[in-house]
Amino acid sequence: MNAVETPVIAVESPSSPSPAPALGPIEIGVGSFLLSGPGASGVVGLSVFLFDEIADNLYLRPSVAAGEAPASNAGSTWAAGRLDACTRVPGNYRVDQGLQLDLCGGTDVGLTYFASGTQTGQPAQGRTLPYWDLGPSLALRGELGDRGGAVWLRAFGGINVLRPGFEDSQGTRQTPPPASFRLELGFSWGR
C-alpha cells in the first residue's frame, strides 16, 4: 500500500489591525481677561485657547488674545499669542465631577498699539511697540459633568522682557512696567 502524500499549504492569516493610538484629551476654549503691564493702563479682552496632551501628563496650551484699554488717557490696543507647557494635578474626585490644578510656564509675544493724542501718556503720533513676556500661570479647572465642559480661572504673571517706551505728546517718557499680570475666566469643551 502506497501512502499518498497530501501537500500542505500554509495559509497566512491576515494580521489583525493594530489598535489606533489613544489620543490625549483636547479642549478648545474661550475666555475673557483683565491684563496689567503692557502699557500705562490695563487691558480688557478676549482669548481663544487649545489644551492638548502631548505626553503623559504634559500638555501644550497655545492661545491668542486681544484687548483694549478701557477709557483712559492712554488709549491702547494689545494682541499676543501665548504658548504654555503644563502639568495637571487632579483633585481627589470622581471623573467629570471635580477640580483640577494646572501648573504652567510660558511666554507671550505680541504688540501694543498706542493711539495718538494730546494728553499725558499719548504719543503725538500712533506707536506700535513689541511685547514679550515670560512667566508662570496657574489654573483651576472645574468640570461641568460628563459632557466635556469645564470652567477655568487662570492667573498669569510674568516679566516684561521687552520694555520699549516712547515720548508722549507732553515730552514725558512712557515705559511699560517691569512685570505684567493677567486674570482670565474661560469655558472649554473637549473630549
N, C-alpha and C. Protein backbone atom coordinates (compact mmCIF):
# COMPACT_ATOMS: atom_id res chain seq x y z
N MET A 1 0.84 -1.14 0.00
CA MET A 1 0.00 0.00 0.00
C MET A 1 0.90 1.22 0.00
N ASN A 2 0.64 2.03 -0.96
CA ASN A 2 1.42 3.26 -1.07
C ASN A 2 0.69 4.39 -0.38
N ALA A 3 1.43 5.12 0.42
CA ALA A 3 0.84 6.28 1.09
C ALA A 3 0.86 7.46 0.14
N VAL A 4 -0.25 8.09 0.03
CA VAL A 4 -0.35 9.27 -0.81
C VAL A 4 -0.07 10.49 0.06
N GLU A 5 0.90 11.23 -0.39
CA GLU A 5 1.25 12.42 0.38
C GLU A 5 0.37 13.58 -0.06
N THR A 6 -0.18 14.23 0.89
CA THR A 6 -1.02 15.38 0.62
C THR A 6 -0.19 16.64 0.87
N PRO A 7 -0.10 17.51 -0.15
CA PRO A 7 0.69 18.72 0.08
C PRO A 7 0.03 19.60 1.14
N VAL A 8 0.87 20.15 1.96
CA VAL A 8 0.39 21.07 2.99
C VAL A 8 0.60 22.49 2.49
N ILE A 9 -0.44 23.24 2.46
CA ILE A 9 -0.38 24.62 2.00
C ILE A 9 -0.51 25.52 3.23
N ALA A 10 0.51 26.33 3.41
CA ALA A 10 0.47 27.26 4.54
C ALA A 10 -0.33 28.49 4.14
N VAL A 11 -1.30 28.78 4.93
CA VAL A 11 -2.13 29.96 4.68
C VAL A 11 -1.80 30.98 5.75
N GLU A 12 -1.38 32.12 5.28
CA GLU A 12 -1.08 33.18 6.23
C GLU A 12 -2.36 33.91 6.57
N SER A 13 -2.61 34.00 7.84
CA SER A 13 -3.80 34.74 8.24
C SER A 13 -3.47 36.23 8.22
N PRO A 14 -4.41 37.01 7.77
CA PRO A 14 -4.12 38.44 7.76
C PRO A 14 -3.89 38.92 9.19
N SER A 15 -2.90 39.75 9.32
CA SER A 15 -2.61 40.24 10.66
C SER A 15 -3.74 41.16 11.11
N SER A 16 -4.06 41.03 12.35
CA SER A 16 -5.14 41.87 12.86
C SER A 16 -4.64 43.30 12.94
N PRO A 17 -5.49 44.23 12.59
CA PRO A 17 -5.05 45.62 12.62
C PRO A 17 -4.67 46.04 14.03
N SER A 18 -3.59 46.79 14.11
CA SER A 18 -3.17 47.26 15.43
C SER A 18 -4.15 48.33 15.89
N PRO A 19 -4.41 48.37 17.18
CA PRO A 19 -5.36 49.37 17.66
C PRO A 19 -4.82 50.78 17.43
N ALA A 20 -5.73 51.69 17.18
CA ALA A 20 -5.35 53.09 16.99
C ALA A 20 -4.76 53.63 18.28
N PRO A 21 -3.75 54.48 18.18
CA PRO A 21 -3.18 55.03 19.41
C PRO A 21 -4.21 55.88 20.14
N ALA A 22 -4.19 55.77 21.44
CA ALA A 22 -5.13 56.55 22.24
C ALA A 22 -4.75 58.03 22.16
N LEU A 23 -5.73 58.84 21.88
CA LEU A 23 -5.50 60.28 21.80
C LEU A 23 -5.71 60.90 23.16
N GLY A 24 -4.83 61.81 23.51
CA GLY A 24 -4.98 62.52 24.77
C GLY A 24 -6.14 63.50 24.68
N PRO A 25 -6.55 64.01 25.82
CA PRO A 25 -7.67 64.95 25.80
C PRO A 25 -7.30 66.25 25.09
N ILE A 26 -8.22 66.73 24.30
CA ILE A 26 -8.07 68.03 23.63
C ILE A 26 -9.26 68.89 24.04
N GLU A 27 -8.97 70.11 24.42
CA GLU A 27 -10.03 71.05 24.78
C GLU A 27 -9.84 72.33 23.99
N ILE A 28 -10.95 72.91 23.60
CA ILE A 28 -10.96 74.20 22.92
C ILE A 28 -11.78 75.14 23.80
N GLY A 29 -11.27 76.34 24.02
CA GLY A 29 -11.97 77.23 24.92
C GLY A 29 -11.89 78.69 24.55
N VAL A 30 -12.72 79.48 25.22
CA VAL A 30 -12.73 80.94 25.08
C VAL A 30 -12.75 81.54 26.47
N GLY A 31 -12.21 82.74 26.58
CA GLY A 31 -12.19 83.38 27.88
C GLY A 31 -12.14 84.89 27.75
N SER A 32 -12.40 85.54 28.86
CA SER A 32 -12.24 87.00 28.94
C SER A 32 -11.17 87.27 29.98
N PHE A 33 -10.47 88.39 29.84
CA PHE A 33 -9.35 88.65 30.74
C PHE A 33 -9.22 90.11 31.10
N LEU A 34 -8.48 90.33 32.19
CA LEU A 34 -8.01 91.65 32.62
C LEU A 34 -6.49 91.54 32.66
N LEU A 35 -5.80 92.51 32.09
CA LEU A 35 -4.34 92.48 31.99
C LEU A 35 -3.77 93.80 32.44
N SER A 36 -2.71 93.72 33.25
CA SER A 36 -1.94 94.91 33.58
C SER A 36 -0.53 94.69 33.09
N GLY A 37 0.13 95.74 32.63
CA GLY A 37 1.52 95.60 32.27
C GLY A 37 1.97 96.01 30.89
N PRO A 38 1.16 95.90 29.84
CA PRO A 38 1.71 96.27 28.53
C PRO A 38 1.76 97.77 28.28
N GLY A 39 1.11 98.55 29.10
CA GLY A 39 1.11 99.99 28.90
C GLY A 39 0.78 100.69 30.20
N ALA A 40 0.41 101.95 30.09
CA ALA A 40 0.14 102.75 31.28
C ALA A 40 -1.15 102.33 31.97
N SER A 41 -2.10 101.79 31.21
CA SER A 41 -3.37 101.38 31.80
C SER A 41 -3.60 99.90 31.54
N GLY A 42 -4.60 99.34 32.16
CA GLY A 42 -4.92 97.93 31.98
C GLY A 42 -5.60 97.66 30.65
N VAL A 43 -5.74 96.38 30.33
CA VAL A 43 -6.37 95.93 29.09
C VAL A 43 -7.46 94.93 29.44
N VAL A 44 -8.60 95.03 28.77
CA VAL A 44 -9.71 94.10 28.90
C VAL A 44 -9.90 93.46 27.54
N GLY A 45 -10.07 92.12 27.50
CA GLY A 45 -10.21 91.50 26.19
C GLY A 45 -10.69 90.07 26.23
N LEU A 46 -10.53 89.39 25.08
CA LEU A 46 -10.96 88.01 24.89
C LEU A 46 -9.79 87.15 24.44
N SER A 47 -9.85 85.87 24.76
CA SER A 47 -8.82 84.93 24.32
C SER A 47 -9.48 83.65 23.82
N VAL A 48 -8.75 82.95 22.97
CA VAL A 48 -9.15 81.63 22.46
C VAL A 48 -7.97 80.72 22.71
N PHE A 49 -8.23 79.49 23.19
CA PHE A 49 -7.12 78.60 23.51
C PHE A 49 -7.45 77.16 23.18
N LEU A 50 -6.37 76.37 23.10
CA LEU A 50 -6.43 74.93 22.88
C LEU A 50 -5.60 74.29 23.98
N PHE A 51 -6.07 73.19 24.53
CA PHE A 51 -5.35 72.48 25.58
C PHE A 51 -5.20 71.04 25.11
N ASP A 52 -3.95 70.61 24.84
CA ASP A 52 -3.71 69.32 24.19
C ASP A 52 -2.63 68.53 24.93
N GLU A 53 -2.94 67.26 25.27
CA GLU A 53 -1.95 66.40 25.92
C GLU A 53 -1.00 65.85 24.86
N ILE A 54 0.30 66.09 25.04
CA ILE A 54 1.28 65.62 24.06
C ILE A 54 2.11 64.45 24.61
N ALA A 55 2.09 64.22 25.90
CA ALA A 55 2.77 63.10 26.55
C ALA A 55 2.05 62.87 27.87
N ASP A 56 2.45 61.83 28.58
CA ASP A 56 1.81 61.52 29.84
C ASP A 56 1.92 62.70 30.80
N ASN A 57 0.79 63.32 31.08
CA ASN A 57 0.66 64.46 31.98
C ASN A 57 1.52 65.67 31.57
N LEU A 58 1.75 65.82 30.27
CA LEU A 58 2.41 67.02 29.73
C LEU A 58 1.50 67.58 28.65
N TYR A 59 1.13 68.84 28.81
CA TYR A 59 0.16 69.48 27.93
C TYR A 59 0.77 70.72 27.30
N LEU A 60 0.30 71.03 26.10
CA LEU A 60 0.61 72.32 25.47
C LEU A 60 -0.68 73.13 25.45
N ARG A 61 -0.54 74.42 25.71
CA ARG A 61 -1.70 75.31 25.72
C ARG A 61 -1.38 76.55 24.89
N PRO A 62 -1.56 76.47 23.56
CA PRO A 62 -1.41 77.69 22.75
C PRO A 62 -2.69 78.53 22.87
N SER A 63 -2.51 79.84 22.84
CA SER A 63 -3.67 80.74 22.90
C SER A 63 -3.37 82.02 22.14
N VAL A 64 -4.44 82.70 21.78
CA VAL A 64 -4.37 84.01 21.13
C VAL A 64 -5.30 84.92 21.91
N ALA A 65 -4.84 86.13 22.21
CA ALA A 65 -5.65 87.07 23.00
C ALA A 65 -5.51 88.47 22.43
N ALA A 66 -6.57 89.26 22.57
CA ALA A 66 -6.55 90.66 22.12
C ALA A 66 -7.50 91.45 23.00
N GLY A 67 -7.15 92.73 23.22
CA GLY A 67 -8.00 93.57 24.03
C GLY A 67 -7.62 95.03 23.91
N GLU A 68 -8.41 95.87 24.56
CA GLU A 68 -8.20 97.32 24.54
C GLU A 68 -8.20 97.86 25.96
N ALA A 69 -7.53 98.98 26.11
CA ALA A 69 -7.58 99.69 27.39
C ALA A 69 -8.95 100.32 27.53
N PRO A 70 -9.55 100.23 28.71
CA PRO A 70 -10.81 100.93 28.92
C PRO A 70 -10.58 102.44 28.80
N ALA A 71 -11.62 103.19 28.73
CA ALA A 71 -11.49 104.64 28.57
C ALA A 71 -10.48 105.20 29.55
N SER A 72 -9.44 105.80 29.03
CA SER A 72 -8.38 106.39 29.86
C SER A 72 -7.64 107.40 29.03
N ASN A 73 -6.64 108.03 29.63
CA ASN A 73 -5.83 108.99 28.89
C ASN A 73 -5.05 108.33 27.77
N ALA A 74 -4.49 107.14 28.02
CA ALA A 74 -3.64 106.48 27.03
C ALA A 74 -4.40 105.32 26.41
N GLY A 75 -5.13 105.58 25.34
CA GLY A 75 -5.85 104.52 24.65
C GLY A 75 -4.87 103.57 23.98
N SER A 76 -5.02 102.26 24.24
CA SER A 76 -4.11 101.30 23.63
C SER A 76 -4.86 100.03 23.27
N THR A 77 -4.31 99.31 22.31
CA THR A 77 -4.82 98.01 21.88
C THR A 77 -3.67 97.03 21.99
N TRP A 78 -3.95 95.84 22.56
CA TRP A 78 -2.93 94.84 22.79
C TRP A 78 -3.37 93.53 22.14
N ALA A 79 -2.43 92.81 21.52
CA ALA A 79 -2.69 91.49 20.94
C ALA A 79 -1.44 90.65 21.08
N ALA A 80 -1.63 89.36 21.43
CA ALA A 80 -0.47 88.48 21.61
C ALA A 80 -0.89 87.03 21.47
N GLY A 81 0.10 86.21 21.16
CA GLY A 81 -0.05 84.76 21.19
C GLY A 81 0.75 84.25 22.38
N ARG A 82 0.29 83.19 23.00
CA ARG A 82 0.97 82.62 24.17
C ARG A 82 1.10 81.13 23.98
N LEU A 83 2.22 80.57 24.43
CA LEU A 83 2.42 79.13 24.43
C LEU A 83 2.87 78.72 25.83
N ASP A 84 2.11 77.81 26.44
CA ASP A 84 2.43 77.29 27.76
C ASP A 84 2.68 75.79 27.69
N ALA A 85 3.59 75.30 28.51
CA ALA A 85 3.75 73.87 28.77
C ALA A 85 3.20 73.65 30.18
N CYS A 86 2.34 72.64 30.34
CA CYS A 86 1.62 72.48 31.60
C CYS A 86 1.66 71.04 32.11
N THR A 87 1.45 70.91 33.40
CA THR A 87 1.18 69.63 34.02
C THR A 87 -0.11 69.78 34.81
N ARG A 88 -0.88 68.69 34.89
CA ARG A 88 -2.19 68.76 35.55
C ARG A 88 -2.16 67.92 36.82
N VAL A 89 -2.67 68.51 37.89
CA VAL A 89 -2.79 67.82 39.17
C VAL A 89 -4.27 67.64 39.45
N PRO A 90 -4.79 66.41 39.28
CA PRO A 90 -6.22 66.20 39.51
C PRO A 90 -6.54 66.20 41.00
N GLY A 91 -7.75 66.63 41.30
CA GLY A 91 -8.22 66.57 42.68
C GLY A 91 -8.66 65.16 43.02
N ASN A 92 -9.01 64.93 44.25
CA ASN A 92 -9.45 63.61 44.70
C ASN A 92 -10.98 63.52 44.52
N TYR A 93 -11.39 63.49 43.25
CA TYR A 93 -12.80 63.49 42.92
C TYR A 93 -13.07 62.42 41.87
N ARG A 94 -14.34 62.10 41.69
CA ARG A 94 -14.71 61.23 40.59
C ARG A 94 -14.49 61.97 39.28
N VAL A 95 -14.22 61.23 38.23
CA VAL A 95 -14.00 61.83 36.91
C VAL A 95 -15.25 62.61 36.51
N ASP A 96 -15.06 63.74 35.87
CA ASP A 96 -16.12 64.63 35.38
C ASP A 96 -16.89 65.35 36.48
N GLN A 97 -16.39 65.33 37.71
CA GLN A 97 -17.12 66.00 38.78
C GLN A 97 -16.18 66.68 39.77
N GLY A 98 -15.08 67.23 39.31
CA GLY A 98 -14.16 67.79 40.27
C GLY A 98 -13.36 68.97 39.78
N LEU A 99 -12.38 69.33 40.58
CA LEU A 99 -11.47 70.42 40.27
C LEU A 99 -10.10 69.85 39.92
N GLN A 100 -9.41 70.54 39.05
CA GLN A 100 -8.05 70.18 38.69
C GLN A 100 -7.21 71.44 38.75
N LEU A 101 -5.92 71.26 39.01
CA LEU A 101 -4.98 72.37 39.07
C LEU A 101 -3.98 72.19 37.95
N ASP A 102 -3.80 73.22 37.13
CA ASP A 102 -2.81 73.19 36.05
C ASP A 102 -1.68 74.14 36.42
N LEU A 103 -0.45 73.62 36.40
CA LEU A 103 0.74 74.42 36.65
C LEU A 103 1.47 74.56 35.32
N CYS A 104 1.69 75.80 34.87
CA CYS A 104 2.23 76.04 33.53
C CYS A 104 3.35 77.08 33.57
N GLY A 105 4.13 77.08 32.52
CA GLY A 105 5.14 78.10 32.28
C GLY A 105 5.15 78.41 30.81
N GLY A 106 5.26 79.68 30.45
CA GLY A 106 5.22 80.01 29.03
C GLY A 106 5.60 81.44 28.72
N THR A 107 5.26 81.83 27.52
CA THR A 107 5.63 83.16 27.03
C THR A 107 4.52 83.75 26.17
N ASP A 108 4.39 85.07 26.25
CA ASP A 108 3.50 85.86 25.37
C ASP A 108 4.39 86.63 24.40
N VAL A 109 3.99 86.68 23.15
CA VAL A 109 4.68 87.51 22.15
C VAL A 109 3.59 88.26 21.38
N GLY A 110 3.73 89.58 21.29
CA GLY A 110 2.71 90.35 20.60
C GLY A 110 3.08 91.80 20.42
N LEU A 111 2.04 92.63 20.30
CA LEU A 111 2.20 94.06 20.03
C LEU A 111 1.24 94.86 20.88
N THR A 112 1.64 96.07 21.19
CA THR A 112 0.76 97.04 21.83
C THR A 112 0.74 98.30 20.96
N TYR A 113 -0.46 98.73 20.59
CA TYR A 113 -0.60 99.95 19.79
C TYR A 113 -1.12 101.06 20.70
N PHE A 114 -0.43 102.20 20.68
CA PHE A 114 -0.85 103.37 21.45
C PHE A 114 -1.37 104.42 20.49
N ALA A 115 -2.62 104.82 20.68
CA ALA A 115 -3.24 105.82 19.80
C ALA A 115 -2.65 107.20 20.07
N SER A 116 -2.61 108.02 19.02
CA SER A 116 -2.08 109.38 19.16
C SER A 116 -3.07 110.27 19.90
N GLY A 117 -2.54 111.31 20.51
CA GLY A 117 -3.38 112.25 21.23
C GLY A 117 -2.55 113.37 21.80
N THR A 118 -3.20 114.24 22.53
CA THR A 118 -2.51 115.39 23.10
C THR A 118 -2.40 115.34 24.62
N GLN A 119 -2.96 114.31 25.25
CA GLN A 119 -2.93 114.20 26.70
C GLN A 119 -1.68 113.44 27.16
N THR A 120 -1.39 113.56 28.45
CA THR A 120 -0.26 112.83 29.03
C THR A 120 -0.47 111.33 28.82
N GLY A 121 0.58 110.65 28.40
CA GLY A 121 0.51 109.21 28.16
C GLY A 121 0.21 108.83 26.72
N GLN A 122 -0.16 109.82 25.89
CA GLN A 122 -0.45 109.55 24.49
C GLN A 122 0.66 110.10 23.61
N PRO A 123 1.14 109.31 22.63
CA PRO A 123 2.17 109.83 21.73
C PRO A 123 1.57 110.84 20.76
N ALA A 124 2.42 111.73 20.24
CA ALA A 124 1.94 112.71 19.25
C ALA A 124 1.48 111.99 17.98
N GLN A 125 2.13 110.88 17.64
CA GLN A 125 1.72 110.03 16.52
C GLN A 125 1.55 108.61 17.06
N GLY A 126 0.60 107.85 16.51
CA GLY A 126 0.37 106.48 16.95
C GLY A 126 1.66 105.66 16.94
N ARG A 127 1.83 104.81 17.94
CA ARG A 127 3.04 103.98 18.07
C ARG A 127 2.66 102.54 18.29
N THR A 128 3.36 101.63 17.62
CA THR A 128 3.21 100.19 17.84
C THR A 128 4.51 99.67 18.45
N LEU A 129 4.40 99.06 19.64
CA LEU A 129 5.58 98.57 20.35
C LEU A 129 5.50 97.06 20.50
N PRO A 130 6.65 96.37 20.42
CA PRO A 130 6.64 94.92 20.64
C PRO A 130 6.39 94.58 22.10
N TYR A 131 5.82 93.40 22.31
CA TYR A 131 5.53 92.92 23.66
C TYR A 131 6.05 91.49 23.78
N TRP A 132 6.86 91.22 24.81
CA TRP A 132 7.35 89.87 25.08
C TRP A 132 7.41 89.69 26.58
N ASP A 133 6.74 88.64 27.05
CA ASP A 133 6.59 88.39 28.47
C ASP A 133 6.91 86.92 28.74
N LEU A 134 7.62 86.63 29.82
CA LEU A 134 7.93 85.25 30.25
C LEU A 134 7.43 85.06 31.67
N GLY A 135 6.78 83.92 31.93
CA GLY A 135 6.38 83.67 33.30
C GLY A 135 5.44 82.49 33.46
N PRO A 136 5.09 82.20 34.71
CA PRO A 136 4.23 81.07 35.02
C PRO A 136 2.75 81.42 34.91
N SER A 137 1.94 80.39 34.88
CA SER A 137 0.50 80.56 35.02
C SER A 137 -0.04 79.41 35.85
N LEU A 138 -1.16 79.66 36.46
CA LEU A 138 -1.80 78.69 37.35
C LEU A 138 -3.28 78.71 37.03
N ALA A 139 -3.90 77.54 36.92
CA ALA A 139 -5.32 77.49 36.58
C ALA A 139 -6.06 76.50 37.47
N LEU A 140 -7.25 76.87 37.85
CA LEU A 140 -8.20 75.97 38.47
C LEU A 140 -9.24 75.64 37.42
N ARG A 141 -9.48 74.35 37.20
CA ARG A 141 -10.41 73.90 36.16
C ARG A 141 -11.50 73.09 36.84
N GLY A 142 -12.74 73.55 36.72
CA GLY A 142 -13.87 72.84 37.30
C GLY A 142 -14.67 72.14 36.22
N GLU A 143 -14.80 70.82 36.33
CA GLU A 143 -15.54 70.06 35.33
C GLU A 143 -17.04 70.27 35.52
N LEU A 144 -17.75 70.34 34.40
CA LEU A 144 -19.19 70.58 34.42
C LEU A 144 -19.95 69.31 34.03
N GLY A 145 -19.74 68.23 34.75
CA GLY A 145 -20.44 66.97 34.47
C GLY A 145 -19.75 66.18 33.37
N ASP A 146 -20.46 65.22 32.81
CA ASP A 146 -19.86 64.28 31.85
C ASP A 146 -19.99 64.72 30.39
N ARG A 147 -20.32 65.94 30.12
CA ARG A 147 -20.50 66.41 28.74
C ARG A 147 -19.23 67.03 28.15
N GLY A 148 -18.11 67.04 28.89
CA GLY A 148 -16.85 67.56 28.37
C GLY A 148 -16.65 69.04 28.59
N GLY A 149 -17.56 69.69 29.29
CA GLY A 149 -17.42 71.12 29.54
C GLY A 149 -16.67 71.40 30.83
N ALA A 150 -16.05 72.56 30.88
CA ALA A 150 -15.33 72.97 32.09
C ALA A 150 -15.27 74.49 32.16
N VAL A 151 -15.14 74.99 33.36
CA VAL A 151 -14.93 76.42 33.58
C VAL A 151 -13.52 76.58 34.15
N TRP A 152 -12.80 77.61 33.70
CA TRP A 152 -11.40 77.84 34.07
C TRP A 152 -11.26 79.20 34.76
N LEU A 153 -10.39 79.25 35.75
CA LEU A 153 -9.94 80.51 36.32
C LEU A 153 -8.42 80.44 36.29
N ARG A 154 -7.79 81.33 35.50
CA ARG A 154 -6.34 81.31 35.30
C ARG A 154 -5.73 82.62 35.76
N ALA A 155 -4.54 82.51 36.33
CA ALA A 155 -3.76 83.69 36.70
C ALA A 155 -2.38 83.56 36.04
N PHE A 156 -1.95 84.61 35.36
CA PHE A 156 -0.66 84.66 34.67
C PHE A 156 0.18 85.75 35.32
N GLY A 157 1.43 85.51 35.49
CA GLY A 157 2.36 86.53 35.96
C GLY A 157 3.61 86.45 35.11
N GLY A 158 4.23 87.57 34.86
CA GLY A 158 5.42 87.50 34.03
C GLY A 158 6.30 88.72 34.09
N ILE A 159 7.49 88.52 33.59
CA ILE A 159 8.46 89.60 33.47
C ILE A 159 8.41 90.12 32.04
N ASN A 160 8.27 91.42 31.89
CA ASN A 160 8.27 92.03 30.56
C ASN A 160 9.71 92.11 30.06
N VAL A 161 10.05 91.22 29.15
CA VAL A 161 11.41 91.15 28.62
C VAL A 161 11.71 92.38 27.76
N LEU A 162 10.78 92.73 26.90
CA LEU A 162 10.93 93.94 26.07
C LEU A 162 10.15 95.06 26.73
N ARG A 163 10.81 96.17 26.95
CA ARG A 163 10.14 97.32 27.58
C ARG A 163 10.44 98.61 26.81
N PRO A 164 10.18 98.61 25.50
CA PRO A 164 10.43 99.86 24.78
C PRO A 164 9.41 100.91 25.21
N GLY A 165 9.83 102.10 25.24
CA GLY A 165 8.94 103.19 25.62
C GLY A 165 8.85 104.22 24.51
N PHE A 166 8.23 105.34 24.81
CA PHE A 166 8.08 106.43 23.85
C PHE A 166 7.92 107.74 24.60
N GLU A 167 8.16 108.82 23.90
CA GLU A 167 7.90 110.15 24.45
C GLU A 167 6.45 110.50 24.14
N ASP A 168 5.68 110.85 25.18
CA ASP A 168 4.30 111.24 24.91
C ASP A 168 4.24 112.67 24.38
N SER A 169 3.05 113.11 24.08
CA SER A 169 2.88 114.44 23.47
C SER A 169 3.28 115.57 24.41
N GLN A 170 3.43 115.29 25.71
CA GLN A 170 3.85 116.29 26.69
C GLN A 170 5.37 116.26 26.92
N GLY A 171 6.06 115.32 26.23
CA GLY A 171 7.50 115.21 26.39
C GLY A 171 7.94 114.32 27.53
N THR A 172 7.02 113.59 28.13
CA THR A 172 7.34 112.69 29.23
C THR A 172 7.60 111.28 28.69
N ARG A 173 8.64 110.64 29.19
CA ARG A 173 8.97 109.28 28.76
C ARG A 173 7.98 108.30 29.37
N GLN A 174 7.35 107.49 28.53
CA GLN A 174 6.41 106.45 28.96
C GLN A 174 7.06 105.09 28.75
N THR A 175 7.24 104.32 29.82
CA THR A 175 7.87 103.00 29.76
C THR A 175 6.96 101.98 30.44
N PRO A 176 6.72 100.83 29.81
CA PRO A 176 5.88 99.80 30.46
C PRO A 176 6.51 99.33 31.76
N PRO A 177 5.70 98.87 32.72
CA PRO A 177 6.24 98.37 33.98
C PRO A 177 7.05 97.08 33.74
N PRO A 178 7.90 96.70 34.70
CA PRO A 178 8.75 95.52 34.52
C PRO A 178 8.00 94.18 34.57
N ALA A 179 6.80 94.17 35.11
CA ALA A 179 6.05 92.91 35.22
C ALA A 179 4.62 93.11 34.73
N SER A 180 3.99 92.01 34.39
CA SER A 180 2.59 92.05 33.99
C SER A 180 1.82 90.96 34.74
N PHE A 181 0.52 91.14 34.82
CA PHE A 181 -0.34 90.18 35.49
C PHE A 181 -1.64 90.09 34.70
N ARG A 182 -2.13 88.87 34.52
CA ARG A 182 -3.38 88.66 33.77
C ARG A 182 -4.26 87.68 34.52
N LEU A 183 -5.54 88.00 34.63
CA LEU A 183 -6.53 87.13 35.24
C LEU A 183 -7.55 86.80 34.18
N GLU A 184 -7.86 85.50 34.00
CA GLU A 184 -8.73 85.07 32.90
C GLU A 184 -9.80 84.12 33.41
N LEU A 185 -11.01 84.31 32.95
CA LEU A 185 -12.13 83.40 33.23
C LEU A 185 -12.57 82.84 31.90
N GLY A 186 -12.62 81.51 31.77
CA GLY A 186 -12.96 80.91 30.49
C GLY A 186 -13.77 79.64 30.61
N PHE A 187 -14.28 79.21 29.47
CA PHE A 187 -15.03 77.98 29.34
C PHE A 187 -14.38 77.14 28.26
N SER A 188 -14.40 75.82 28.43
CA SER A 188 -13.82 74.96 27.41
C SER A 188 -14.71 73.73 27.20
N TRP A 189 -14.51 73.12 26.04
CA TRP A 189 -15.22 71.91 25.68
C TRP A 189 -14.21 70.95 25.08
N GLY A 190 -14.33 69.70 25.39
CA GLY A 190 -13.37 68.74 24.85
C GLY A 190 -13.82 67.32 25.02
N ARG A 191 -12.95 66.43 24.55
CA ARG A 191 -13.27 65.00 24.66
C ARG A 191 -12.51 64.38 25.81
